[in-house]
Amino acid sequence: MPVTSIAGRDIHVDAEGFLTSYDEWTPELAEQLAAQIGIDLTDAHRKVVAFLRDDYATQGETATLRRVSTLSGVGTKELFTLFPKKPAKKMAYIAGLPKPHGCV
């Protein structure tokens, strides 16, 4: 399992850079991960990230874009605005979760 250093911490990641250990994630790490992909986190971003992490803890897998838009109260258009181009991958990356099934 590859290890990368982010903000002075060693973090376990997969070949695509997604965290592989749920417990290594912190809100501060989320800020760093978001900055790496050009996103400045706002409260709206944090709401989505918190939903994803809570959902993962209960479901055992990363929520799809449809699940997030249906259950989080944040519509699909807003998700695309918050996380441009590939929102599901970007949300999961910042939330420190595995890439959702079906993402290329």
N, C-alpha and C. Protein backbone atom coordinates (compact mmCIF):
# COMPACT_ATOMS: atom_id res chain seq x y z
N MET A 1 0.85 -1.16 0.00
CA MET A 1 0.00 0.00 0.00
C MET A 1 0.91 1.24 0.00
N PRO A 2 0.77 2.11 -1.01
CA PRO A 2 1.61 3.31 -1.07
C PRO A 2 1.33 4.27 0.09
N VAL A 3 2.34 5.02 0.43
CA VAL A 3 2.24 6.04 1.46
C VAL A 3 2.70 7.35 0.84
N THR A 4 1.96 8.42 1.12
CA THR A 4 2.35 9.74 0.66
C THR A 4 2.40 10.68 1.86
N SER A 5 3.10 11.77 1.71
CA SER A 5 3.20 12.74 2.79
C SER A 5 2.39 13.97 2.42
N ILE A 6 1.43 14.32 3.27
CA ILE A 6 0.60 15.50 3.07
C ILE A 6 0.61 16.30 4.37
N ALA A 7 0.99 17.55 4.25
CA ALA A 7 1.06 18.45 5.41
C ALA A 7 1.91 17.85 6.53
N GLY A 8 3.00 17.20 6.14
CA GLY A 8 3.91 16.65 7.13
C GLY A 8 3.48 15.33 7.75
N ARG A 9 2.39 14.75 7.26
CA ARG A 9 1.91 13.47 7.80
C ARG A 9 1.99 12.40 6.72
N ASP A 10 2.33 11.19 7.12
CA ASP A 10 2.31 10.06 6.19
C ASP A 10 0.89 9.51 6.13
N ILE A 11 0.37 9.40 4.93
CA ILE A 11 -1.00 8.95 4.70
C ILE A 11 -0.98 7.76 3.74
N HIS A 12 -1.73 6.71 4.07
CA HIS A 12 -1.83 5.54 3.19
C HIS A 12 -2.85 5.82 2.09
N VAL A 13 -2.43 5.58 0.86
CA VAL A 13 -3.28 5.85 -0.30
C VAL A 13 -3.24 4.67 -1.27
N ASP A 14 -4.20 4.67 -2.20
CA ASP A 14 -4.16 3.67 -3.27
C ASP A 14 -3.39 4.25 -4.45
N ALA A 15 -3.36 3.52 -5.56
CA ALA A 15 -2.59 3.95 -6.73
C ALA A 15 -3.08 5.28 -7.32
N GLU A 16 -4.34 5.64 -7.07
CA GLU A 16 -4.89 6.88 -7.59
C GLU A 16 -4.84 8.03 -6.57
N GLY A 17 -4.33 7.76 -5.38
CA GLY A 17 -4.19 8.81 -4.37
C GLY A 17 -5.34 8.91 -3.38
N PHE A 18 -6.32 8.00 -3.46
CA PHE A 18 -7.43 8.00 -2.51
C PHE A 18 -6.97 7.35 -1.21
N LEU A 19 -7.35 7.95 -0.09
CA LEU A 19 -6.97 7.40 1.21
C LEU A 19 -7.53 5.99 1.37
N THR A 20 -6.75 5.15 2.02
CA THR A 20 -7.19 3.76 2.23
C THR A 20 -7.50 3.47 3.69
N SER A 21 -7.23 4.43 4.57
CA SER A 21 -7.53 4.25 5.98
C SER A 21 -8.47 5.36 6.44
N TYR A 22 -9.69 4.99 6.75
CA TYR A 22 -10.74 5.94 7.15
C TYR A 22 -10.27 6.81 8.32
N ASP A 23 -9.54 6.23 9.24
CA ASP A 23 -9.15 6.92 10.46
C ASP A 23 -7.99 7.90 10.29
N GLU A 24 -7.32 7.90 9.15
CA GLU A 24 -6.23 8.85 8.93
C GLU A 24 -6.74 10.23 8.51
N TRP A 25 -7.99 10.33 8.14
CA TRP A 25 -8.57 11.59 7.67
C TRP A 25 -8.83 12.54 8.83
N THR A 26 -8.60 13.82 8.59
CA THR A 26 -8.96 14.88 9.54
C THR A 26 -9.52 16.04 8.73
N PRO A 27 -10.27 16.95 9.36
CA PRO A 27 -10.73 18.13 8.65
C PRO A 27 -9.57 18.96 8.07
N GLU A 28 -8.46 19.01 8.78
CA GLU A 28 -7.30 19.74 8.28
C GLU A 28 -6.73 19.08 7.04
N LEU A 29 -6.72 17.75 7.03
CA LEU A 29 -6.27 17.02 5.85
C LEU A 29 -7.20 17.29 4.67
N ALA A 30 -8.49 17.39 4.94
CA ALA A 30 -9.46 17.69 3.87
C ALA A 30 -9.12 19.01 3.20
N GLU A 31 -8.73 20.00 3.99
CA GLU A 31 -8.33 21.30 3.43
C GLU A 31 -7.15 21.12 2.47
N GLN A 32 -6.17 20.32 2.88
CA GLN A 32 -4.99 20.08 2.04
C GLN A 32 -5.36 19.31 0.78
N LEU A 33 -6.18 18.28 0.91
CA LEU A 33 -6.60 17.49 -0.24
C LEU A 33 -7.37 18.35 -1.23
N ALA A 34 -8.27 19.18 -0.72
CA ALA A 34 -9.05 20.07 -1.58
C ALA A 34 -8.14 21.03 -2.32
N ALA A 35 -7.18 21.60 -1.61
CA ALA A 35 -6.26 22.55 -2.24
C ALA A 35 -5.46 21.89 -3.36
N GLN A 36 -5.12 20.62 -3.18
CA GLN A 36 -4.36 19.90 -4.21
C GLN A 36 -5.13 19.79 -5.53
N ILE A 37 -6.46 19.80 -5.44
CA ILE A 37 -7.25 19.70 -6.67
C ILE A 37 -7.95 21.02 -7.01
N GLY A 38 -7.48 22.10 -6.39
CA GLY A 38 -7.95 23.42 -6.75
C GLY A 38 -9.28 23.85 -6.17
N ILE A 39 -9.66 23.26 -5.04
CA ILE A 39 -10.93 23.62 -4.40
C ILE A 39 -10.64 24.28 -3.05
N ASP A 40 -11.28 25.43 -2.83
CA ASP A 40 -11.20 26.13 -1.56
C ASP A 40 -12.48 25.78 -0.79
N LEU A 41 -12.34 25.00 0.27
CA LEU A 41 -13.52 24.50 0.97
C LEU A 41 -14.33 25.61 1.63
N THR A 42 -15.65 25.53 1.42
CA THR A 42 -16.61 26.42 2.07
C THR A 42 -17.49 25.56 2.98
N ASP A 43 -18.40 26.19 3.69
CA ASP A 43 -19.33 25.43 4.53
C ASP A 43 -20.17 24.47 3.69
N ALA A 44 -20.52 24.88 2.47
CA ALA A 44 -21.29 24.00 1.59
C ALA A 44 -20.50 22.74 1.24
N HIS A 45 -19.21 22.90 0.95
CA HIS A 45 -18.35 21.74 0.68
C HIS A 45 -18.29 20.84 1.91
N ARG A 46 -18.08 21.46 3.06
CA ARG A 46 -17.94 20.69 4.31
C ARG A 46 -19.20 19.91 4.64
N LYS A 47 -20.36 20.46 4.32
CA LYS A 47 -21.63 19.76 4.54
C LYS A 47 -21.66 18.47 3.73
N VAL A 48 -21.24 18.54 2.48
CA VAL A 48 -21.23 17.36 1.61
C VAL A 48 -20.20 16.35 2.11
N VAL A 49 -19.03 16.82 2.48
CA VAL A 49 -17.98 15.93 2.98
C VAL A 49 -18.44 15.23 4.26
N ALA A 50 -19.07 15.97 5.16
CA ALA A 50 -19.59 15.36 6.40
C ALA A 50 -20.65 14.31 6.09
N PHE A 51 -21.53 14.61 5.14
CA PHE A 51 -22.54 13.61 4.75
C PHE A 51 -21.85 12.35 4.23
N LEU A 52 -20.88 12.51 3.35
CA LEU A 52 -20.19 11.36 2.77
C LEU A 52 -19.53 10.50 3.85
N ARG A 53 -18.86 11.14 4.78
CA ARG A 53 -18.17 10.39 5.83
C ARG A 53 -19.15 9.66 6.74
N ASP A 54 -20.24 10.33 7.10
CA ASP A 54 -21.27 9.68 7.93
C ASP A 54 -21.92 8.52 7.19
N ASP A 55 -22.22 8.73 5.91
CA ASP A 55 -22.86 7.70 5.10
C ASP A 55 -21.93 6.50 4.95
N TYR A 56 -20.65 6.75 4.71
CA TYR A 56 -19.68 5.67 4.57
C TYR A 56 -19.60 4.85 5.85
N ALA A 57 -19.62 5.53 6.98
CA ALA A 57 -19.52 4.84 8.27
C ALA A 57 -20.69 3.88 8.48
N THR A 58 -21.86 4.22 7.97
CA THR A 58 -23.02 3.34 8.15
C THR A 58 -23.23 2.36 7.00
N GLN A 59 -22.86 2.75 5.78
CA GLN A 59 -23.11 1.91 4.61
C GLN A 59 -21.93 1.03 4.21
N GLY A 60 -20.72 1.44 4.57
CA GLY A 60 -19.54 0.64 4.23
C GLY A 60 -19.02 0.83 2.83
N GLU A 61 -19.58 1.79 2.09
CA GLU A 61 -19.06 2.12 0.76
C GLU A 61 -19.33 3.59 0.47
N THR A 62 -18.58 4.14 -0.44
CA THR A 62 -18.71 5.55 -0.78
C THR A 62 -19.99 5.78 -1.56
N ALA A 63 -20.75 6.77 -1.13
CA ALA A 63 -22.02 7.10 -1.78
C ALA A 63 -21.80 7.57 -3.21
N THR A 64 -22.72 7.19 -4.08
CA THR A 64 -22.70 7.67 -5.46
C THR A 64 -23.22 9.10 -5.51
N LEU A 65 -23.03 9.75 -6.63
CA LEU A 65 -23.52 11.11 -6.82
C LEU A 65 -25.03 11.16 -6.61
N ARG A 66 -25.73 10.18 -7.12
CA ARG A 66 -27.19 10.14 -6.97
C ARG A 66 -27.58 10.04 -5.51
N ARG A 67 -26.91 9.18 -4.76
CA ARG A 67 -27.23 9.03 -3.34
C ARG A 67 -26.97 10.34 -2.59
N VAL A 68 -25.85 10.97 -2.87
CA VAL A 68 -25.52 12.23 -2.21
C VAL A 68 -26.59 13.28 -2.52
N SER A 69 -26.95 13.42 -3.79
CA SER A 69 -27.92 14.46 -4.15
C SER A 69 -29.30 14.16 -3.58
N THR A 70 -29.65 12.89 -3.46
CA THR A 70 -30.96 12.51 -2.95
C THR A 70 -31.05 12.66 -1.43
N LEU A 71 -30.02 12.26 -0.71
CA LEU A 71 -30.10 12.20 0.75
C LEU A 71 -29.46 13.36 1.50
N SER A 72 -28.59 14.10 0.84
CA SER A 72 -27.88 15.17 1.56
C SER A 72 -28.61 16.50 1.53
N GLY A 73 -29.55 16.63 0.60
CA GLY A 73 -30.24 17.91 0.46
C GLY A 73 -29.49 18.88 -0.44
N VAL A 74 -28.41 18.42 -1.05
CA VAL A 74 -27.64 19.23 -1.99
C VAL A 74 -27.90 18.67 -3.39
N GLY A 75 -28.50 19.47 -4.24
CA GLY A 75 -28.86 19.01 -5.58
C GLY A 75 -27.68 18.73 -6.48
N THR A 76 -27.94 17.98 -7.53
CA THR A 76 -26.90 17.59 -8.48
C THR A 76 -26.21 18.81 -9.10
N LYS A 77 -26.98 19.81 -9.50
CA LYS A 77 -26.37 21.00 -10.11
C LYS A 77 -25.43 21.68 -9.13
N GLU A 78 -25.83 21.77 -7.87
CA GLU A 78 -24.96 22.40 -6.88
C GLU A 78 -23.70 21.56 -6.64
N LEU A 79 -23.83 20.24 -6.67
CA LEU A 79 -22.66 19.38 -6.50
C LEU A 79 -21.66 19.62 -7.64
N PHE A 80 -22.17 19.79 -8.86
CA PHE A 80 -21.29 20.06 -9.99
C PHE A 80 -20.66 21.45 -9.87
N THR A 81 -21.35 22.38 -9.23
CA THR A 81 -20.79 23.71 -9.02
C THR A 81 -19.70 23.65 -7.94
N LEU A 82 -19.97 22.93 -6.86
CA LEU A 82 -19.02 22.83 -5.76
C LEU A 82 -17.78 22.02 -6.13
N PHE A 83 -18.00 20.94 -6.87
CA PHE A 83 -16.93 20.01 -7.24
C PHE A 83 -16.95 19.84 -8.76
N PRO A 84 -16.44 20.81 -9.51
CA PRO A 84 -16.55 20.82 -10.97
C PRO A 84 -15.98 19.58 -11.65
N LYS A 85 -16.58 19.25 -12.75
CA LYS A 85 -16.21 18.17 -13.67
C LYS A 85 -16.51 16.79 -13.11
N LYS A 86 -15.76 16.26 -12.22
CA LYS A 86 -16.00 14.90 -11.70
C LYS A 86 -16.34 14.98 -10.22
N PRO A 87 -17.56 15.40 -9.89
CA PRO A 87 -17.89 15.65 -8.49
C PRO A 87 -17.78 14.42 -7.58
N ALA A 88 -18.22 13.27 -8.03
CA ALA A 88 -18.20 12.09 -7.15
C ALA A 88 -16.77 11.75 -6.74
N LYS A 89 -15.85 11.77 -7.70
CA LYS A 89 -14.45 11.47 -7.39
C LYS A 89 -13.85 12.54 -6.48
N LYS A 90 -14.12 13.80 -6.77
CA LYS A 90 -13.55 14.88 -5.98
C LYS A 90 -14.10 14.88 -4.56
N MET A 91 -15.40 14.63 -4.41
CA MET A 91 -15.99 14.57 -3.07
C MET A 91 -15.36 13.45 -2.26
N ALA A 92 -15.24 12.27 -2.86
CA ALA A 92 -14.66 11.12 -2.16
C ALA A 92 -13.21 11.38 -1.80
N TYR A 93 -12.47 11.98 -2.72
CA TYR A 93 -11.05 12.27 -2.48
C TYR A 93 -10.89 13.18 -1.27
N ILE A 94 -11.65 14.27 -1.24
CA ILE A 94 -11.55 15.23 -0.14
C ILE A 94 -12.04 14.62 1.17
N ALA A 95 -13.06 13.75 1.09
CA ALA A 95 -13.61 13.12 2.28
C ALA A 95 -12.74 11.97 2.80
N GLY A 96 -11.68 11.64 2.06
CA GLY A 96 -10.78 10.57 2.49
C GLY A 96 -11.38 9.20 2.35
N LEU A 97 -12.21 9.01 1.32
CA LEU A 97 -12.91 7.75 1.10
C LEU A 97 -12.48 7.11 -0.22
N PRO A 98 -12.75 5.81 -0.38
CA PRO A 98 -12.45 5.17 -1.66
C PRO A 98 -13.27 5.78 -2.78
N LYS A 99 -12.74 5.68 -3.99
CA LYS A 99 -13.46 6.16 -5.15
C LYS A 99 -14.79 5.40 -5.26
N PRO A 100 -15.90 6.09 -5.54
CA PRO A 100 -17.20 5.40 -5.64
C PRO A 100 -17.20 4.38 -6.78
N HIS A 101 -17.97 3.32 -6.60
CA HIS A 101 -18.12 2.32 -7.65
C HIS A 101 -18.71 2.98 -8.88
N GLY A 102 -18.22 2.62 -10.04
CA GLY A 102 -18.74 3.18 -11.28
C GLY A 102 -17.99 4.40 -11.75
N CYS A 103 -17.10 4.96 -10.93
CA CYS A 103 -16.30 6.11 -11.37
C CYS A 103 -15.11 5.61 -12.17
N VAL A 104 -14.82 6.30 -13.23
CA VAL A 104 -13.69 5.93 -14.09
C VAL A 104 -12.43 6.58 -13.57
